[in-house]
Amino acid sequence: MTRAVRRGVLWRVREDLAAARRGDPAARGDLENAVVYSGLHAIWTHRLTHRLWLARGLPGSRFAARVVAQIARSVTGIEIHPGARVGRRFFIDHGMGVVIGETAVIGDDVLLFHGVTLGGRGGEHGPGQRRHPTVGDRVVLGAGSSLIGAITVGADSVVGANTVVTKDVPAGSVVTGIAGTARPRTGHESVPTL
């Protein structure tokens, strides 16, 4: 590993630790967070598995990526498919039961709580076909929320706990209910900022 790569990895780890401090008021310190936060462990492992997933010239890399991802799932309770694209300063608070599908795309500064699913509808097949949600920058996904299908949740939106979202969400919205309905944000919602 070159010096520049090590510096880049350390910079990302510092960003992730800062995101944990911003996203979780109970976060006590970087060392404790690095050791005990399963959301951080899942994200760090995903970065490794995603690189393996994209290493097409390396025989068996996709198989290895899936194996490592399944081990991480067993340890953390968080399943992130190696093909999913995850932005910077992404934080999963508590995390147990989170599922992120293969073609999901997550923007920067996204905060996810436990039990969130970024899943497909089923029946979609074919290489390169988008089947999972795209989540914009600075989105908060409440505990137990489910985003299903090739939908887009616009930047600066909030998805309430246990909301089921099956249609696109405009930027700057709050989505609640089953099936979720969007309304413009008023600016008065209490939302953690990253």
N, C-alpha and C. Protein backbone atom coordinates (compact mmCIF):
# COMPACT_ATOMS: atom_id res chain seq x y z
N MET A 1 0.85 -1.17 0.00
CA MET A 1 0.00 0.00 0.00
C MET A 1 0.91 1.24 0.00
N THR A 2 0.70 2.10 -0.96
CA THR A 2 1.53 3.30 -1.06
C THR A 2 1.16 4.31 0.02
N ARG A 3 2.04 5.25 0.22
CA ARG A 3 1.82 6.29 1.24
C ARG A 3 0.56 7.11 0.93
N ALA A 4 0.36 7.44 -0.35
CA ALA A 4 -0.82 8.22 -0.74
C ALA A 4 -2.11 7.45 -0.47
N VAL A 5 -2.09 6.14 -0.75
CA VAL A 5 -3.28 5.31 -0.50
C VAL A 5 -3.55 5.24 0.99
N ARG A 6 -2.49 5.05 1.81
CA ARG A 6 -2.68 5.02 3.27
C ARG A 6 -3.28 6.32 3.77
N ARG A 7 -2.77 7.45 3.25
CA ARG A 7 -3.31 8.75 3.66
C ARG A 7 -4.78 8.88 3.28
N GLY A 8 -5.13 8.40 2.08
CA GLY A 8 -6.52 8.44 1.64
C GLY A 8 -7.43 7.60 2.51
N VAL A 9 -6.96 6.41 2.88
CA VAL A 9 -7.74 5.53 3.75
C VAL A 9 -7.92 6.18 5.12
N LEU A 10 -6.86 6.72 5.67
CA LEU A 10 -6.96 7.39 6.98
C LEU A 10 -7.89 8.59 6.92
N TRP A 11 -7.86 9.33 5.84
CA TRP A 11 -8.76 10.49 5.69
C TRP A 11 -10.21 10.02 5.69
N ARG A 12 -10.51 8.94 4.96
CA ARG A 12 -11.87 8.40 4.92
C ARG A 12 -12.32 7.92 6.30
N VAL A 13 -11.44 7.26 7.02
CA VAL A 13 -11.76 6.77 8.37
C VAL A 13 -12.08 7.97 9.27
N ARG A 14 -11.28 9.02 9.19
CA ARG A 14 -11.54 10.23 9.99
C ARG A 14 -12.89 10.85 9.62
N GLU A 15 -13.19 10.90 8.32
CA GLU A 15 -14.50 11.42 7.89
C GLU A 15 -15.64 10.59 8.47
N ASP A 16 -15.49 9.28 8.42
CA ASP A 16 -16.53 8.39 8.94
C ASP A 16 -16.71 8.57 10.45
N LEU A 17 -15.61 8.70 11.16
CA LEU A 17 -15.70 8.92 12.61
C LEU A 17 -16.36 10.26 12.92
N ALA A 18 -16.07 11.28 12.15
CA ALA A 18 -16.71 12.59 12.33
C ALA A 18 -18.21 12.49 12.03
N ALA A 19 -18.58 11.71 11.00
CA ALA A 19 -19.99 11.52 10.67
C ALA A 19 -20.71 10.81 11.80
N ALA A 20 -20.04 9.86 12.45
CA ALA A 20 -20.64 9.16 13.60
C ALA A 20 -20.89 10.14 14.73
N ARG A 21 -19.94 11.02 14.99
CA ARG A 21 -20.11 12.02 16.06
C ARG A 21 -21.27 12.96 15.75
N ARG A 22 -21.39 13.36 14.48
CA ARG A 22 -22.50 14.27 14.10
C ARG A 22 -23.85 13.56 14.10
N GLY A 23 -23.86 12.29 13.68
CA GLY A 23 -25.11 11.57 13.51
C GLY A 23 -25.67 10.95 14.78
N ASP A 24 -24.82 10.76 15.79
CA ASP A 24 -25.27 10.08 17.00
C ASP A 24 -24.87 10.90 18.22
N PRO A 25 -25.85 11.50 18.90
CA PRO A 25 -25.53 12.30 20.08
C PRO A 25 -24.91 11.48 21.22
N ALA A 26 -25.05 10.16 21.17
CA ALA A 26 -24.48 9.31 22.21
C ALA A 26 -23.02 8.93 21.92
N ALA A 27 -22.51 9.32 20.74
CA ALA A 27 -21.13 8.98 20.39
C ALA A 27 -20.18 9.65 21.38
N ARG A 28 -19.30 8.86 21.97
CA ARG A 28 -18.44 9.39 23.02
C ARG A 28 -17.06 9.80 22.54
N GLY A 29 -16.48 9.04 21.68
CA GLY A 29 -15.15 9.35 21.21
C GLY A 29 -14.74 8.44 20.08
N ASP A 30 -13.77 8.88 19.31
CA ASP A 30 -13.39 8.14 18.11
C ASP A 30 -12.92 6.72 18.38
N LEU A 31 -12.14 6.52 19.41
CA LEU A 31 -11.63 5.18 19.69
C LEU A 31 -12.79 4.23 20.03
N GLU A 32 -13.66 4.67 20.93
CA GLU A 32 -14.80 3.83 21.29
C GLU A 32 -15.69 3.58 20.08
N ASN A 33 -15.96 4.63 19.31
CA ASN A 33 -16.82 4.47 18.13
C ASN A 33 -16.21 3.49 17.13
N ALA A 34 -14.90 3.58 16.90
CA ALA A 34 -14.22 2.70 15.95
C ALA A 34 -14.28 1.25 16.40
N VAL A 35 -14.31 1.03 17.70
CA VAL A 35 -14.30 -0.34 18.22
C VAL A 35 -15.70 -0.93 18.31
N VAL A 36 -16.71 -0.14 18.68
CA VAL A 36 -18.01 -0.73 19.00
C VAL A 36 -19.14 -0.42 18.01
N TYR A 37 -18.97 0.49 17.08
CA TYR A 37 -20.08 0.86 16.18
C TYR A 37 -20.16 -0.10 14.99
N SER A 38 -21.16 -0.97 15.00
CA SER A 38 -21.30 -1.94 13.91
C SER A 38 -21.58 -1.26 12.58
N GLY A 39 -22.23 -0.09 12.60
CA GLY A 39 -22.46 0.64 11.36
C GLY A 39 -21.16 1.05 10.68
N LEU A 40 -20.20 1.50 11.48
CA LEU A 40 -18.89 1.84 10.92
C LEU A 40 -18.19 0.60 10.38
N HIS A 41 -18.26 -0.50 11.12
CA HIS A 41 -17.61 -1.73 10.67
C HIS A 41 -18.21 -2.19 9.34
N ALA A 42 -19.54 -2.09 9.21
CA ALA A 42 -20.20 -2.51 7.97
C ALA A 42 -19.78 -1.62 6.80
N ILE A 43 -19.69 -0.32 7.03
CA ILE A 43 -19.30 0.61 5.97
C ILE A 43 -17.85 0.36 5.56
N TRP A 44 -16.96 0.20 6.53
CA TRP A 44 -15.56 -0.04 6.22
C TRP A 44 -15.38 -1.35 5.45
N THR A 45 -16.10 -2.38 5.86
CA THR A 45 -16.02 -3.65 5.14
C THR A 45 -16.60 -3.49 3.74
N HIS A 46 -17.68 -2.73 3.62
CA HIS A 46 -18.27 -2.51 2.29
C HIS A 46 -17.27 -1.85 1.34
N ARG A 47 -16.51 -0.91 1.84
CA ARG A 47 -15.52 -0.26 0.96
C ARG A 47 -14.55 -1.28 0.38
N LEU A 48 -14.15 -2.23 1.20
CA LEU A 48 -13.26 -3.30 0.73
C LEU A 48 -13.98 -4.19 -0.28
N THR A 49 -15.19 -4.64 0.06
CA THR A 49 -15.90 -5.56 -0.84
C THR A 49 -16.29 -4.88 -2.15
N HIS A 50 -16.59 -3.59 -2.10
CA HIS A 50 -16.94 -2.86 -3.33
C HIS A 50 -15.74 -2.81 -4.27
N ARG A 51 -14.55 -2.58 -3.71
CA ARG A 51 -13.33 -2.59 -4.55
C ARG A 51 -13.14 -3.97 -5.18
N LEU A 52 -13.34 -5.02 -4.40
CA LEU A 52 -13.23 -6.37 -4.95
C LEU A 52 -14.27 -6.60 -6.04
N TRP A 53 -15.49 -6.12 -5.82
CA TRP A 53 -16.58 -6.29 -6.78
C TRP A 53 -16.23 -5.65 -8.12
N LEU A 54 -15.54 -4.50 -8.07
CA LEU A 54 -15.20 -3.77 -9.29
C LEU A 54 -13.91 -4.26 -9.94
N ALA A 55 -13.15 -5.12 -9.27
CA ALA A 55 -11.86 -5.61 -9.78
C ALA A 55 -12.08 -6.73 -10.78
N ARG A 56 -12.54 -6.39 -11.94
CA ARG A 56 -12.91 -7.40 -12.95
C ARG A 56 -11.73 -8.23 -13.44
N GLY A 57 -10.54 -7.67 -13.42
CA GLY A 57 -9.38 -8.41 -13.91
C GLY A 57 -8.85 -9.43 -12.91
N LEU A 58 -9.39 -9.44 -11.72
CA LEU A 58 -8.92 -10.35 -10.67
C LEU A 58 -9.88 -11.55 -10.59
N PRO A 59 -9.43 -12.75 -11.02
CA PRO A 59 -10.32 -13.91 -11.01
C PRO A 59 -10.87 -14.18 -9.60
N GLY A 60 -12.16 -14.44 -9.53
CA GLY A 60 -12.79 -14.77 -8.26
C GLY A 60 -13.06 -13.58 -7.35
N SER A 61 -12.84 -12.37 -7.85
CA SER A 61 -12.99 -11.19 -6.97
C SER A 61 -14.44 -10.97 -6.55
N ARG A 62 -15.38 -11.24 -7.44
CA ARG A 62 -16.79 -11.05 -7.06
C ARG A 62 -17.23 -12.11 -6.04
N PHE A 63 -16.76 -13.31 -6.22
CA PHE A 63 -17.05 -14.36 -5.24
C PHE A 63 -16.46 -13.98 -3.88
N ALA A 64 -15.21 -13.54 -3.88
CA ALA A 64 -14.56 -13.12 -2.64
C ALA A 64 -15.32 -11.97 -1.99
N ALA A 65 -15.76 -11.02 -2.81
CA ALA A 65 -16.51 -9.87 -2.29
C ALA A 65 -17.79 -10.34 -1.60
N ARG A 66 -18.50 -11.28 -2.22
CA ARG A 66 -19.75 -11.78 -1.62
C ARG A 66 -19.48 -12.53 -0.33
N VAL A 67 -18.41 -13.31 -0.29
CA VAL A 67 -18.08 -14.06 0.93
C VAL A 67 -17.76 -13.10 2.07
N VAL A 68 -16.91 -12.11 1.81
CA VAL A 68 -16.55 -11.15 2.85
C VAL A 68 -17.78 -10.37 3.30
N ALA A 69 -18.65 -9.98 2.36
CA ALA A 69 -19.87 -9.26 2.71
C ALA A 69 -20.77 -10.10 3.61
N GLN A 70 -20.86 -11.40 3.34
CA GLN A 70 -21.69 -12.27 4.17
C GLN A 70 -21.11 -12.46 5.57
N ILE A 71 -19.79 -12.50 5.66
CA ILE A 71 -19.15 -12.57 6.97
C ILE A 71 -19.45 -11.28 7.75
N ALA A 72 -19.33 -10.14 7.08
CA ALA A 72 -19.63 -8.86 7.73
C ALA A 72 -21.09 -8.82 8.18
N ARG A 73 -21.98 -9.34 7.35
CA ARG A 73 -23.40 -9.39 7.71
C ARG A 73 -23.61 -10.22 8.98
N SER A 74 -22.92 -11.35 9.07
CA SER A 74 -23.03 -12.21 10.24
C SER A 74 -22.55 -11.51 11.51
N VAL A 75 -21.51 -10.72 11.37
CA VAL A 75 -20.91 -10.05 12.52
C VAL A 75 -21.68 -8.78 12.91
N THR A 76 -22.12 -7.99 11.91
CA THR A 76 -22.71 -6.68 12.19
C THR A 76 -24.23 -6.66 12.18
N GLY A 77 -24.86 -7.62 11.51
CA GLY A 77 -26.31 -7.57 11.34
C GLY A 77 -26.74 -6.61 10.25
N ILE A 78 -25.79 -6.13 9.45
CA ILE A 78 -26.04 -5.17 8.39
C ILE A 78 -25.60 -5.80 7.07
N GLU A 79 -26.51 -5.84 6.10
CA GLU A 79 -26.19 -6.44 4.81
C GLU A 79 -26.08 -5.36 3.75
N ILE A 80 -24.88 -5.18 3.22
CA ILE A 80 -24.66 -4.24 2.12
C ILE A 80 -24.07 -5.04 0.97
N HIS A 81 -24.79 -5.11 -0.13
CA HIS A 81 -24.29 -5.86 -1.28
C HIS A 81 -23.03 -5.17 -1.81
N PRO A 82 -22.01 -5.94 -2.19
CA PRO A 82 -20.77 -5.33 -2.67
C PRO A 82 -20.94 -4.43 -3.89
N GLY A 83 -22.00 -4.63 -4.65
CA GLY A 83 -22.23 -3.80 -5.84
C GLY A 83 -22.83 -2.43 -5.53
N ALA A 84 -23.39 -2.26 -4.34
CA ALA A 84 -24.00 -0.97 -3.98
C ALA A 84 -22.95 0.13 -3.96
N ARG A 85 -23.36 1.33 -4.39
CA ARG A 85 -22.45 2.48 -4.37
C ARG A 85 -22.82 3.38 -3.19
N VAL A 86 -21.84 3.62 -2.34
CA VAL A 86 -22.05 4.36 -1.11
C VAL A 86 -21.18 5.62 -1.11
N GLY A 87 -21.79 6.76 -0.79
CA GLY A 87 -21.08 8.03 -0.78
C GLY A 87 -20.24 8.23 0.47
N ARG A 88 -19.71 9.42 0.57
CA ARG A 88 -18.83 9.77 1.70
C ARG A 88 -19.66 10.19 2.91
N ARG A 89 -19.05 10.01 4.07
CA ARG A 89 -19.63 10.41 5.36
C ARG A 89 -21.01 9.78 5.57
N PHE A 90 -21.18 8.57 5.08
CA PHE A 90 -22.39 7.78 5.26
C PHE A 90 -22.32 7.17 6.66
N PHE A 91 -23.42 7.25 7.41
CA PHE A 91 -23.42 6.69 8.77
C PHE A 91 -24.68 5.88 8.99
N ILE A 92 -24.50 4.69 9.57
CA ILE A 92 -25.61 3.82 9.95
C ILE A 92 -25.65 3.79 11.46
N ASP A 93 -26.70 4.35 12.07
CA ASP A 93 -26.81 4.39 13.52
C ASP A 93 -27.57 3.15 13.99
N HIS A 94 -27.02 2.43 14.92
CA HIS A 94 -27.53 1.17 15.47
C HIS A 94 -27.41 0.06 14.44
N GLY A 95 -28.06 0.17 13.31
CA GLY A 95 -27.76 -0.66 12.16
C GLY A 95 -28.42 -2.01 12.04
N MET A 96 -28.72 -2.70 13.10
CA MET A 96 -29.23 -4.07 12.99
C MET A 96 -30.40 -4.12 12.01
N GLY A 97 -30.33 -5.08 11.11
CA GLY A 97 -31.43 -5.31 10.18
C GLY A 97 -31.40 -4.45 8.93
N VAL A 98 -30.37 -3.66 8.71
CA VAL A 98 -30.27 -2.84 7.49
C VAL A 98 -29.94 -3.75 6.31
N VAL A 99 -30.63 -3.54 5.18
CA VAL A 99 -30.37 -4.28 3.95
C VAL A 99 -30.26 -3.28 2.81
N ILE A 100 -29.13 -3.33 2.09
CA ILE A 100 -28.89 -2.43 0.96
C ILE A 100 -28.58 -3.29 -0.25
N GLY A 101 -29.43 -3.20 -1.28
CA GLY A 101 -29.32 -4.05 -2.46
C GLY A 101 -28.22 -3.67 -3.43
N GLU A 102 -27.99 -4.56 -4.37
CA GLU A 102 -26.86 -4.48 -5.31
C GLU A 102 -26.79 -3.20 -6.12
N THR A 103 -27.90 -2.70 -6.62
CA THR A 103 -27.85 -1.53 -7.51
C THR A 103 -28.22 -0.24 -6.78
N ALA A 104 -28.28 -0.30 -5.45
CA ALA A 104 -28.58 0.91 -4.67
C ALA A 104 -27.43 1.91 -4.80
N VAL A 105 -27.79 3.19 -4.79
CA VAL A 105 -26.81 4.28 -4.82
C VAL A 105 -27.15 5.20 -3.65
N ILE A 106 -26.16 5.48 -2.81
CA ILE A 106 -26.36 6.33 -1.64
C ILE A 106 -25.42 7.52 -1.75
N GLY A 107 -25.98 8.72 -1.62
CA GLY A 107 -25.19 9.95 -1.75
C GLY A 107 -24.32 10.22 -0.53
N ASP A 108 -23.79 11.42 -0.49
CA ASP A 108 -22.93 11.85 0.61
C ASP A 108 -23.76 12.34 1.80
N ASP A 109 -23.21 12.19 3.00
CA ASP A 109 -23.80 12.72 4.22
C ASP A 109 -25.18 12.15 4.51
N VAL A 110 -25.38 10.88 4.20
CA VAL A 110 -26.66 10.20 4.43
C VAL A 110 -26.60 9.53 5.80
N LEU A 111 -27.72 9.63 6.53
CA LEU A 111 -27.86 9.01 7.85
C LEU A 111 -28.98 7.99 7.78
N LEU A 112 -28.67 6.75 8.17
CA LEU A 112 -29.61 5.64 8.15
C LEU A 112 -29.75 5.08 9.55
N PHE A 113 -30.97 4.71 9.93
CA PHE A 113 -31.19 4.08 11.23
C PHE A 113 -31.48 2.59 11.04
N HIS A 114 -31.62 1.87 12.14
CA HIS A 114 -31.78 0.41 12.08
C HIS A 114 -33.04 0.00 11.32
N GLY A 115 -32.94 -1.18 10.72
CA GLY A 115 -34.09 -1.77 10.05
C GLY A 115 -34.43 -1.18 8.71
N VAL A 116 -33.60 -0.33 8.14
CA VAL A 116 -33.88 0.27 6.83
C VAL A 116 -33.60 -0.74 5.73
N THR A 117 -34.49 -0.76 4.73
CA THR A 117 -34.30 -1.62 3.56
C THR A 117 -34.27 -0.76 2.30
N LEU A 118 -33.23 -0.95 1.51
CA LEU A 118 -33.16 -0.38 0.16
C LEU A 118 -33.24 -1.57 -0.78
N GLY A 119 -34.46 -1.97 -1.11
CA GLY A 119 -34.68 -3.23 -1.80
C GLY A 119 -35.28 -3.10 -3.18
N GLY A 120 -35.32 -4.23 -3.88
CA GLY A 120 -35.94 -4.30 -5.20
C GLY A 120 -37.37 -4.81 -5.09
N ARG A 121 -38.09 -4.68 -6.18
CA ARG A 121 -39.48 -5.15 -6.23
C ARG A 121 -39.56 -6.64 -6.54
N GLY A 122 -38.51 -7.17 -7.11
CA GLY A 122 -38.53 -8.57 -7.55
C GLY A 122 -38.96 -8.64 -9.00
N GLY A 123 -38.48 -9.62 -9.69
CA GLY A 123 -38.86 -9.79 -11.09
C GLY A 123 -37.98 -9.02 -12.06
N GLU A 124 -37.20 -8.04 -11.59
CA GLU A 124 -36.33 -7.31 -12.50
C GLU A 124 -35.07 -8.14 -12.69
N HIS A 125 -34.67 -8.33 -13.92
CA HIS A 125 -33.48 -9.14 -14.20
C HIS A 125 -32.65 -8.46 -15.27
N GLY A 126 -31.43 -8.93 -15.38
CA GLY A 126 -30.55 -8.45 -16.44
C GLY A 126 -29.41 -7.63 -15.91
N PRO A 127 -28.25 -7.82 -16.54
CA PRO A 127 -27.08 -7.07 -16.10
C PRO A 127 -27.26 -5.58 -16.35
N GLY A 128 -26.84 -4.80 -15.39
CA GLY A 128 -26.89 -3.35 -15.54
C GLY A 128 -28.26 -2.73 -15.31
N GLN A 129 -29.27 -3.54 -15.05
CA GLN A 129 -30.60 -3.00 -14.81
C GLN A 129 -30.70 -2.49 -13.37
N ARG A 130 -31.11 -1.25 -13.23
CA ARG A 130 -31.26 -0.65 -11.90
C ARG A 130 -32.51 -1.23 -11.25
N ARG A 131 -32.35 -1.79 -10.05
CA ARG A 131 -33.46 -2.44 -9.36
C ARG A 131 -33.72 -1.86 -7.98
N HIS A 132 -32.77 -1.07 -7.48
CA HIS A 132 -32.83 -0.58 -6.10
C HIS A 132 -32.83 0.95 -6.07
N PRO A 133 -33.14 1.53 -4.91
CA PRO A 133 -33.27 2.98 -4.81
C PRO A 133 -31.95 3.75 -4.96
N THR A 134 -32.11 5.01 -5.35
CA THR A 134 -31.04 5.99 -5.34
C THR A 134 -31.41 7.01 -4.28
N VAL A 135 -30.50 7.24 -3.34
CA VAL A 135 -30.74 8.15 -2.22
C VAL A 135 -29.81 9.35 -2.39
N GLY A 136 -30.38 10.55 -2.45
CA GLY A 136 -29.60 11.76 -2.66
C GLY A 136 -28.78 12.15 -1.45
N ASP A 137 -28.03 13.23 -1.60
CA ASP A 137 -27.17 13.74 -0.52
C ASP A 137 -28.01 14.27 0.64
N ARG A 138 -27.47 14.11 1.85
CA ARG A 138 -28.03 14.67 3.09
C ARG A 138 -29.45 14.18 3.38
N VAL A 139 -29.71 12.94 3.05
CA VAL A 139 -31.01 12.33 3.32
C VAL A 139 -30.94 11.58 4.65
N VAL A 140 -32.04 11.61 5.42
CA VAL A 140 -32.16 10.85 6.65
C VAL A 140 -33.25 9.80 6.44
N LEU A 141 -32.91 8.53 6.71
CA LEU A 141 -33.87 7.44 6.58
C LEU A 141 -34.16 6.89 7.96
N GLY A 142 -35.40 7.07 8.43
CA GLY A 142 -35.81 6.68 9.77
C GLY A 142 -35.86 5.18 9.95
N ALA A 143 -35.85 4.77 11.22
CA ALA A 143 -35.83 3.35 11.59
C ALA A 143 -36.98 2.59 10.94
N GLY A 144 -36.65 1.47 10.34
CA GLY A 144 -37.66 0.59 9.77
C GLY A 144 -38.23 1.05 8.44
N SER A 145 -37.71 2.13 7.88
CA SER A 145 -38.26 2.58 6.59
C SER A 145 -37.81 1.63 5.48
N SER A 146 -38.66 1.51 4.47
CA SER A 146 -38.38 0.64 3.32
C SER A 146 -38.53 1.44 2.05
N LEU A 147 -37.47 1.49 1.26
CA LEU A 147 -37.50 2.12 -0.05
C LEU A 147 -37.39 0.99 -1.05
N ILE A 148 -38.40 0.86 -1.91
CA ILE A 148 -38.51 -0.33 -2.74
C ILE A 148 -38.54 0.05 -4.21
N GLY A 149 -37.66 -0.57 -4.99
CA GLY A 149 -37.65 -0.40 -6.43
C GLY A 149 -36.65 0.66 -6.89
N ALA A 150 -36.64 0.89 -8.19
CA ALA A 150 -35.70 1.83 -8.82
C ALA A 150 -36.24 3.26 -8.70
N ILE A 151 -36.37 3.71 -7.46
CA ILE A 151 -36.89 5.05 -7.19
C ILE A 151 -35.73 5.97 -6.79
N THR A 152 -36.02 7.27 -6.74
CA THR A 152 -35.03 8.24 -6.31
C THR A 152 -35.60 9.07 -5.17
N VAL A 153 -34.82 9.20 -4.10
CA VAL A 153 -35.18 10.08 -2.99
C VAL A 153 -34.26 11.29 -3.12
N GLY A 154 -34.87 12.45 -3.38
CA GLY A 154 -34.10 13.66 -3.62
C GLY A 154 -33.32 14.13 -2.42
N ALA A 155 -32.31 14.94 -2.68
CA ALA A 155 -31.42 15.48 -1.64
C ALA A 155 -32.20 16.22 -0.57
N ASP A 156 -31.65 16.22 0.64
CA ASP A 156 -32.19 16.97 1.77
C ASP A 156 -33.58 16.53 2.18
N SER A 157 -33.92 15.28 1.94
CA SER A 157 -35.22 14.75 2.32
C SER A 157 -35.10 13.92 3.60
N VAL A 158 -36.24 13.72 4.25
CA VAL A 158 -36.33 12.90 5.45
C VAL A 158 -37.43 11.87 5.22
N VAL A 159 -37.11 10.60 5.46
CA VAL A 159 -38.09 9.53 5.37
C VAL A 159 -38.36 9.07 6.80
N GLY A 160 -39.61 9.18 7.23
CA GLY A 160 -39.99 8.86 8.59
C GLY A 160 -39.87 7.38 8.91
N ALA A 161 -39.84 7.09 10.20
CA ALA A 161 -39.74 5.71 10.68
C ALA A 161 -40.91 4.88 10.14
N ASN A 162 -40.59 3.67 9.72
CA ASN A 162 -41.56 2.68 9.23
C ASN A 162 -42.32 3.12 7.98
N THR A 163 -41.83 4.11 7.28
CA THR A 163 -42.45 4.55 6.03
C THR A 163 -42.07 3.60 4.91
N VAL A 164 -43.03 3.33 4.03
CA VAL A 164 -42.78 2.53 2.84
C VAL A 164 -42.83 3.46 1.64
N VAL A 165 -41.72 3.55 0.92
CA VAL A 165 -41.62 4.47 -0.22
C VAL A 165 -41.49 3.64 -1.50
N THR A 166 -42.42 3.85 -2.43
CA THR A 166 -42.41 3.11 -3.69
C THR A 166 -42.41 4.03 -4.91
N LYS A 167 -42.39 5.34 -4.67
CA LYS A 167 -42.38 6.33 -5.77
C LYS A 167 -41.29 7.35 -5.50
N ASP A 168 -40.85 8.03 -6.55
CA ASP A 168 -39.82 9.06 -6.41
C ASP A 168 -40.24 10.12 -5.40
N VAL A 169 -39.25 10.66 -4.70
CA VAL A 169 -39.47 11.69 -3.69
C VAL A 169 -38.71 12.95 -4.13
N PRO A 170 -39.40 14.09 -4.26
CA PRO A 170 -38.70 15.32 -4.65
C PRO A 170 -37.70 15.75 -3.59
N ALA A 171 -36.69 16.48 -4.01
CA ALA A 171 -35.69 17.01 -3.07
C ALA A 171 -36.38 17.87 -2.02
N GLY A 172 -35.83 17.85 -0.80
CA GLY A 172 -36.36 18.69 0.28
C GLY A 172 -37.72 18.28 0.80
N SER A 173 -38.02 17.00 0.78
CA SER A 173 -39.33 16.51 1.22
C SER A 173 -39.23 15.76 2.54
N VAL A 174 -40.39 15.63 3.19
CA VAL A 174 -40.57 14.73 4.32
C VAL A 174 -41.57 13.69 3.85
N VAL A 175 -41.23 12.41 4.03
CA VAL A 175 -42.10 11.33 3.58
C VAL A 175 -42.51 10.51 4.79
N THR A 176 -43.82 10.29 4.93
CA THR A 176 -44.34 9.49 6.04
C THR A 176 -45.46 8.60 5.54
N GLY A 177 -45.73 7.53 6.27
CA GLY A 177 -46.89 6.69 6.01
C GLY A 177 -46.59 5.46 5.19
N ILE A 178 -47.67 4.69 4.98
CA ILE A 178 -47.62 3.47 4.19
C ILE A 178 -48.76 3.56 3.19
N ALA A 179 -48.55 3.63 1.97
CA ALA A 179 -47.35 4.00 1.22
C ALA A 179 -47.07 5.48 1.46
N GLY A 180 -45.79 5.79 1.51
CA GLY A 180 -45.35 7.13 1.88
C GLY A 180 -45.87 8.22 0.98
N THR A 181 -46.24 9.33 1.58
CA THR A 181 -46.63 10.51 0.82
C THR A 181 -45.66 11.64 1.16
N ALA A 182 -45.25 12.36 0.14
CA ALA A 182 -44.26 13.42 0.33
C ALA A 182 -44.94 14.77 0.46
N ARG A 183 -44.33 15.64 1.26
CA ARG A 183 -44.75 17.03 1.37
C ARG A 183 -43.48 17.85 1.49
N PRO A 184 -43.53 19.12 1.15
CA PRO A 184 -42.32 19.95 1.28
C PRO A 184 -41.90 20.06 2.74
N ARG A 185 -40.60 20.17 2.96
CA ARG A 185 -40.08 20.39 4.32
C ARG A 185 -40.38 21.81 4.74
N THR A 186 -40.71 21.98 6.00
CA THR A 186 -40.99 23.32 6.51
C THR A 186 -39.77 23.95 7.15
N GLY A 187 -38.77 23.14 7.44
CA GLY A 187 -37.58 23.65 8.11
C GLY A 187 -37.66 23.52 9.61
N HIS A 188 -38.82 23.09 10.14
CA HIS A 188 -39.00 22.96 11.58
C HIS A 188 -38.82 21.53 12.07
N GLU A 189 -38.62 20.58 11.14
CA GLU A 189 -38.44 19.20 11.55
C GLU A 189 -37.12 19.06 12.30
N SER A 190 -37.17 18.28 13.36
CA SER A 190 -35.97 18.01 14.13
C SER A 190 -35.22 16.87 13.44
N VAL A 191 -34.11 17.20 12.81
CA VAL A 191 -33.36 16.22 12.04
C VAL A 191 -31.88 16.36 12.36
N PRO A 192 -31.20 15.23 12.64
CA PRO A 192 -29.76 15.33 12.85
C PRO A 192 -29.09 15.81 11.56
N THR A 193 -28.09 16.62 11.67
CA THR A 193 -27.37 17.09 10.50
C THR A 193 -25.99 16.46 10.44
N LEU A 194 -25.55 16.16 9.24
CA LEU A 194 -24.23 15.57 9.07
C LEU A 194 -23.31 16.59 8.46
